N, C-alpha and C. Protein backbone atom coordinates (compact mmCIF):
# COMPACT_ATOMS: atom_id res chain seq x y z
N MET A 1 63.17 -18.28 50.83
CA MET A 1 61.77 -17.93 50.94
C MET A 1 61.59 -16.96 52.10
N LYS A 2 60.72 -16.03 51.92
CA LYS A 2 60.45 -15.04 52.96
C LYS A 2 59.03 -15.22 53.49
N LEU A 3 58.85 -14.83 54.71
CA LEU A 3 57.57 -14.94 55.38
C LEU A 3 57.18 -13.55 55.88
N LYS A 4 55.99 -13.12 55.58
CA LYS A 4 55.52 -11.81 56.04
C LYS A 4 54.83 -11.96 57.39
N LEU A 5 55.33 -11.23 58.37
CA LEU A 5 54.73 -11.20 59.69
C LEU A 5 54.50 -9.75 60.09
N THR A 6 53.50 -9.54 60.90
CA THR A 6 53.27 -8.20 61.41
C THR A 6 54.29 -7.90 62.52
N GLU A 7 54.43 -6.66 62.85
CA GLU A 7 55.32 -6.28 63.94
C GLU A 7 54.87 -6.92 65.25
N GLU A 8 53.57 -7.00 65.45
CA GLU A 8 53.03 -7.60 66.67
C GLU A 8 53.36 -9.09 66.74
N GLN A 9 53.31 -9.79 65.60
CA GLN A 9 53.68 -11.21 65.58
C GLN A 9 55.16 -11.39 65.90
N ARG A 10 56.01 -10.58 65.30
CA ARG A 10 57.45 -10.68 65.57
C ARG A 10 57.75 -10.37 67.04
N LYS A 11 57.08 -9.39 67.59
CA LYS A 11 57.29 -9.04 69.00
C LYS A 11 56.85 -10.20 69.90
N SER A 12 55.75 -10.86 69.56
CA SER A 12 55.28 -12.00 70.34
C SER A 12 56.26 -13.16 70.26
N ILE A 13 56.83 -13.41 69.08
CA ILE A 13 57.83 -14.47 68.92
C ILE A 13 59.07 -14.13 69.74
N LEU A 14 59.52 -12.89 69.66
CA LEU A 14 60.68 -12.43 70.43
C LEU A 14 60.47 -12.67 71.92
N LEU A 15 59.29 -12.35 72.42
CA LEU A 15 58.97 -12.47 73.84
C LEU A 15 58.39 -13.83 74.21
N GLU A 16 58.33 -14.74 73.20
CA GLU A 16 57.81 -16.10 73.36
C GLU A 16 56.40 -16.13 73.91
N LYS A 17 55.52 -15.33 73.34
CA LYS A 17 54.11 -15.29 73.72
C LYS A 17 53.29 -16.03 72.66
N ASP A 18 52.14 -16.53 73.06
CA ASP A 18 51.25 -17.21 72.12
C ASP A 18 50.66 -16.21 71.13
N ILE A 19 50.47 -16.68 69.89
CA ILE A 19 49.85 -15.85 68.86
C ILE A 19 48.64 -16.60 68.35
N GLU A 20 47.47 -16.01 68.50
CA GLU A 20 46.24 -16.65 68.07
C GLU A 20 46.25 -16.87 66.55
N GLY A 21 46.04 -18.13 66.14
CA GLY A 21 45.98 -18.45 64.72
C GLY A 21 47.34 -18.60 64.05
N PHE A 22 48.43 -18.59 64.81
CA PHE A 22 49.77 -18.72 64.23
C PHE A 22 50.59 -19.62 65.15
N ASP A 23 50.83 -20.85 64.69
CA ASP A 23 51.61 -21.79 65.49
C ASP A 23 53.09 -21.67 65.14
N TYR A 24 53.91 -21.59 66.15
CA TYR A 24 55.35 -21.52 65.94
C TYR A 24 56.05 -22.15 67.13
N GLU A 25 57.32 -22.47 66.94
CA GLU A 25 58.16 -22.99 68.01
C GLU A 25 59.41 -22.13 68.09
N SER A 26 59.68 -21.59 69.26
CA SER A 26 60.88 -20.79 69.45
C SER A 26 62.08 -21.74 69.45
N VAL A 27 63.10 -21.44 68.62
CA VAL A 27 64.27 -22.31 68.52
C VAL A 27 65.44 -21.74 69.29
N GLU A 28 65.85 -20.52 68.95
CA GLU A 28 66.93 -19.88 69.70
C GLU A 28 66.93 -18.38 69.47
N GLN A 29 67.55 -17.71 70.41
CA GLN A 29 67.69 -16.25 70.33
C GLN A 29 69.10 -15.92 70.78
N SER A 30 69.80 -15.13 69.99
CA SER A 30 71.17 -14.75 70.36
C SER A 30 71.12 -13.77 71.53
N ASP A 31 72.26 -13.59 72.17
CA ASP A 31 72.36 -12.56 73.21
C ASP A 31 72.22 -11.19 72.56
N TRP A 32 71.75 -10.23 73.32
CA TRP A 32 71.66 -8.87 72.81
C TRP A 32 73.07 -8.34 72.62
N GLU A 33 73.38 -7.86 71.43
CA GLU A 33 74.70 -7.34 71.11
C GLU A 33 74.67 -5.82 71.13
N ASP A 34 75.55 -5.23 71.93
CA ASP A 34 75.59 -3.78 72.08
C ASP A 34 76.16 -3.14 70.81
N GLN A 35 75.44 -2.18 70.28
CA GLN A 35 75.89 -1.48 69.08
C GLN A 35 75.82 0.04 69.29
N GLY A 36 76.26 0.46 70.45
CA GLY A 36 76.26 1.90 70.74
C GLY A 36 74.95 2.34 71.37
N LYS A 37 74.14 3.05 70.61
CA LYS A 37 72.89 3.57 71.15
C LYS A 37 71.76 2.56 71.13
N PHE A 38 71.99 1.38 70.56
CA PHE A 38 70.96 0.35 70.54
C PHE A 38 71.61 -1.02 70.62
N GLN A 39 70.78 -2.04 70.79
CA GLN A 39 71.24 -3.42 70.83
C GLN A 39 70.44 -4.22 69.81
N SER A 40 71.03 -5.33 69.34
CA SER A 40 70.32 -6.18 68.39
C SER A 40 70.48 -7.64 68.78
N CYS A 41 69.53 -8.46 68.33
CA CYS A 41 69.63 -9.90 68.53
C CYS A 41 68.94 -10.60 67.36
N GLU A 42 69.35 -11.82 67.11
CA GLU A 42 68.74 -12.63 66.05
C GLU A 42 67.80 -13.64 66.70
N VAL A 43 66.62 -13.80 66.10
CA VAL A 43 65.61 -14.72 66.62
C VAL A 43 65.36 -15.79 65.56
N ILE A 44 65.45 -17.06 65.97
CA ILE A 44 65.18 -18.20 65.08
C ILE A 44 63.94 -18.91 65.61
N PHE A 45 63.01 -19.21 64.71
CA PHE A 45 61.81 -19.93 65.11
C PHE A 45 61.40 -20.89 63.99
N LYS A 46 60.55 -21.84 64.34
CA LYS A 46 60.08 -22.85 63.39
C LYS A 46 58.57 -22.66 63.18
N HIS A 47 58.17 -22.68 61.90
CA HIS A 47 56.76 -22.52 61.54
C HIS A 47 56.48 -23.42 60.35
N GLU A 48 55.49 -24.30 60.50
CA GLU A 48 55.09 -25.23 59.45
C GLU A 48 56.28 -26.02 58.89
N GLY A 49 57.15 -26.50 59.78
CA GLY A 49 58.26 -27.35 59.40
C GLY A 49 59.48 -26.65 58.83
N LYS A 50 59.44 -25.34 58.73
CA LYS A 50 60.58 -24.57 58.21
C LYS A 50 61.10 -23.64 59.30
N TYR A 51 62.39 -23.30 59.19
CA TYR A 51 63.04 -22.40 60.15
C TYR A 51 63.17 -21.00 59.55
N TYR A 52 62.91 -20.00 60.37
CA TYR A 52 62.97 -18.61 59.93
C TYR A 52 63.76 -17.77 60.92
N ALA A 53 64.29 -16.64 60.44
CA ALA A 53 65.07 -15.74 61.29
C ALA A 53 64.69 -14.30 61.02
N PHE A 54 64.79 -13.50 62.04
CA PHE A 54 64.66 -12.05 61.91
C PHE A 54 65.49 -11.39 63.00
N TYR A 55 65.79 -10.12 62.81
CA TYR A 55 66.55 -9.35 63.80
C TYR A 55 65.62 -8.40 64.53
N ALA A 56 65.86 -8.28 65.82
CA ALA A 56 65.13 -7.32 66.64
C ALA A 56 66.14 -6.31 67.17
N TYR A 57 65.68 -5.09 67.36
CA TYR A 57 66.53 -4.01 67.86
C TYR A 57 65.83 -3.38 69.04
N ARG A 58 66.62 -2.95 70.01
CA ARG A 58 66.02 -2.26 71.16
C ARG A 58 66.90 -1.09 71.58
N HIS A 59 66.27 -0.09 72.12
CA HIS A 59 66.97 1.05 72.69
C HIS A 59 66.21 1.47 73.93
N GLY A 60 66.89 2.11 74.83
CA GLY A 60 66.27 2.51 76.09
C GLY A 60 67.19 2.24 77.23
N SER A 61 66.62 1.86 78.36
CA SER A 61 67.41 1.70 79.57
C SER A 61 67.07 0.40 80.28
N TYR A 62 68.10 -0.26 80.77
CA TYR A 62 67.94 -1.47 81.56
C TYR A 62 67.10 -1.17 82.81
N TRP A 63 67.25 0.02 83.37
CA TRP A 63 66.59 0.36 84.62
C TRP A 63 65.16 0.86 84.42
N SER A 64 64.80 1.27 83.24
CA SER A 64 63.41 1.72 83.04
C SER A 64 62.70 0.80 82.06
N SER A 65 62.91 0.98 80.77
CA SER A 65 62.27 0.11 79.79
C SER A 65 62.97 0.24 78.44
N TYR A 66 62.70 -0.71 77.58
CA TYR A 66 63.25 -0.71 76.23
C TYR A 66 62.12 -0.54 75.21
N GLU A 67 62.44 0.11 74.14
CA GLU A 67 61.56 0.16 72.97
C GLU A 67 62.12 -0.85 71.98
N ILE A 68 61.28 -1.70 71.44
CA ILE A 68 61.71 -2.73 70.49
C ILE A 68 61.28 -2.33 69.10
N ASP A 69 62.21 -2.46 68.15
CA ASP A 69 61.94 -2.12 66.75
C ASP A 69 62.35 -3.28 65.85
N PHE A 70 61.75 -3.32 64.66
CA PHE A 70 62.10 -4.27 63.61
C PHE A 70 62.24 -3.45 62.34
N TYR A 71 63.46 -3.40 61.78
CA TYR A 71 63.71 -2.55 60.62
C TYR A 71 63.45 -3.23 59.29
N ASP A 72 63.25 -4.54 59.31
CA ASP A 72 63.02 -5.28 58.08
C ASP A 72 61.67 -5.99 58.20
N ASP A 73 60.81 -5.78 57.23
CA ASP A 73 59.49 -6.41 57.27
C ASP A 73 59.53 -7.90 56.97
N ASP A 74 60.57 -8.34 56.27
CA ASP A 74 60.65 -9.73 55.87
C ASP A 74 61.31 -10.60 56.92
N VAL A 75 60.82 -11.82 57.00
CA VAL A 75 61.41 -12.84 57.84
C VAL A 75 61.96 -13.88 56.87
N THR A 76 63.24 -14.21 57.00
CA THR A 76 63.93 -15.04 56.03
C THR A 76 64.01 -16.49 56.47
N GLU A 77 63.79 -17.41 55.52
CA GLU A 77 63.95 -18.83 55.81
C GLU A 77 65.44 -19.13 55.96
N VAL A 78 65.79 -19.93 56.97
CA VAL A 78 67.18 -20.27 57.24
C VAL A 78 67.33 -21.77 57.45
N THR A 79 68.57 -22.22 57.38
CA THR A 79 68.90 -23.60 57.69
C THR A 79 70.17 -23.60 58.53
N LYS A 80 70.35 -24.62 59.34
CA LYS A 80 71.52 -24.70 60.21
C LYS A 80 72.61 -25.49 59.50
N GLU A 81 73.80 -24.92 59.44
CA GLU A 81 74.94 -25.58 58.80
C GLU A 81 76.06 -25.73 59.82
N ALA A 82 76.80 -26.82 59.70
CA ALA A 82 77.98 -27.03 60.54
C ALA A 82 79.17 -26.36 59.86
N TYR A 83 80.08 -25.83 60.66
CA TYR A 83 81.30 -25.26 60.12
C TYR A 83 82.42 -25.48 61.13
N THR A 84 83.64 -25.48 60.63
CA THR A 84 84.81 -25.67 61.48
C THR A 84 85.44 -24.32 61.74
N SER A 85 85.80 -24.10 62.99
CA SER A 85 86.42 -22.84 63.38
C SER A 85 87.80 -23.15 63.96
N TYR A 86 88.77 -22.30 63.69
CA TYR A 86 90.11 -22.47 64.22
C TYR A 86 90.48 -21.26 65.07
N ARG A 87 91.35 -21.51 66.04
CA ARG A 87 91.86 -20.42 66.86
C ARG A 87 93.28 -20.75 67.26
N TRP A 88 94.03 -19.75 67.65
CA TRP A 88 95.41 -19.92 68.10
C TRP A 88 95.40 -20.09 69.60
N VAL A 89 96.14 -21.10 70.09
CA VAL A 89 96.24 -21.34 71.52
C VAL A 89 97.69 -21.44 71.93
N GLN A 90 97.96 -21.16 73.19
CA GLN A 90 99.32 -21.19 73.71
C GLN A 90 99.82 -22.62 73.77
N VAL A 91 101.07 -22.82 73.37
CA VAL A 91 101.70 -24.14 73.44
C VAL A 91 102.07 -24.40 74.88
N LYS A 92 101.71 -25.57 75.37
CA LYS A 92 102.00 -25.92 76.76
C LYS A 92 103.44 -26.39 76.88
N ALA A 93 104.06 -26.07 78.00
CA ALA A 93 105.44 -26.49 78.25
C ALA A 93 105.48 -28.00 78.45
N GLU A 94 106.59 -28.61 78.04
CA GLU A 94 106.75 -30.04 78.20
C GLU A 94 106.88 -30.38 79.68
N GLU A 95 106.31 -31.51 80.08
CA GLU A 95 106.38 -31.91 81.48
C GLU A 95 107.79 -32.34 81.87
N ASN A 96 108.49 -33.05 81.01
CA ASN A 96 109.86 -33.51 81.27
C ASN A 96 110.77 -32.93 80.20
N PRO A 97 111.29 -31.73 80.43
CA PRO A 97 112.14 -31.12 79.40
C PRO A 97 113.40 -31.95 79.20
N PRO A 98 113.98 -31.93 78.00
CA PRO A 98 115.20 -32.71 77.75
C PRO A 98 116.35 -32.18 78.60
N GLU A 99 117.35 -33.07 78.85
CA GLU A 99 118.49 -32.67 79.65
C GLU A 99 119.27 -31.57 78.93
N SER A 100 119.93 -30.75 79.71
CA SER A 100 120.73 -29.66 79.14
C SER A 100 121.88 -30.23 78.32
N VAL A 101 122.16 -29.59 77.24
CA VAL A 101 123.29 -29.99 76.38
C VAL A 101 124.26 -28.85 76.38
N SER A 102 125.50 -29.15 76.63
CA SER A 102 126.53 -28.13 76.67
C SER A 102 127.08 -27.88 75.27
N CYS A 103 127.36 -26.66 74.95
CA CYS A 103 127.92 -26.31 73.66
C CYS A 103 129.46 -26.42 73.69
N TYR A 104 130.00 -26.60 74.85
CA TYR A 104 131.47 -26.67 75.00
C TYR A 104 131.89 -28.12 75.24
N SER A 105 132.94 -28.50 74.64
CA SER A 105 133.46 -29.85 74.86
C SER A 105 134.35 -29.85 76.09
N GLU A 106 134.31 -30.91 76.80
CA GLU A 106 135.14 -31.02 78.01
C GLU A 106 136.40 -31.81 77.67
N GLU A 107 137.52 -31.19 77.53
CA GLU A 107 138.79 -31.85 77.20
C GLU A 107 139.75 -31.75 78.33
């Protein structure tokens, strides 16, 4: 299901400001991800018992100001799912290594 929001509503949700006549709860926002000339982040919020997500984009300068854009008019309903992730890790050395074994017989 999609939810139609104005750009001003999405900007208010992104900045966690109150919106007159629209109740919502901010759930989470990802870190801004650098994508060259702009950055993006995903915003999750709850409205009327359902969870929704949209992406925000910004360009500009940390030292002056950013311009915020939204390239998609739709806000998509989402749900949280658990998943298992695997990674490769270094094998730790044994605390008590086995005694040395000689390849030569002692005669």
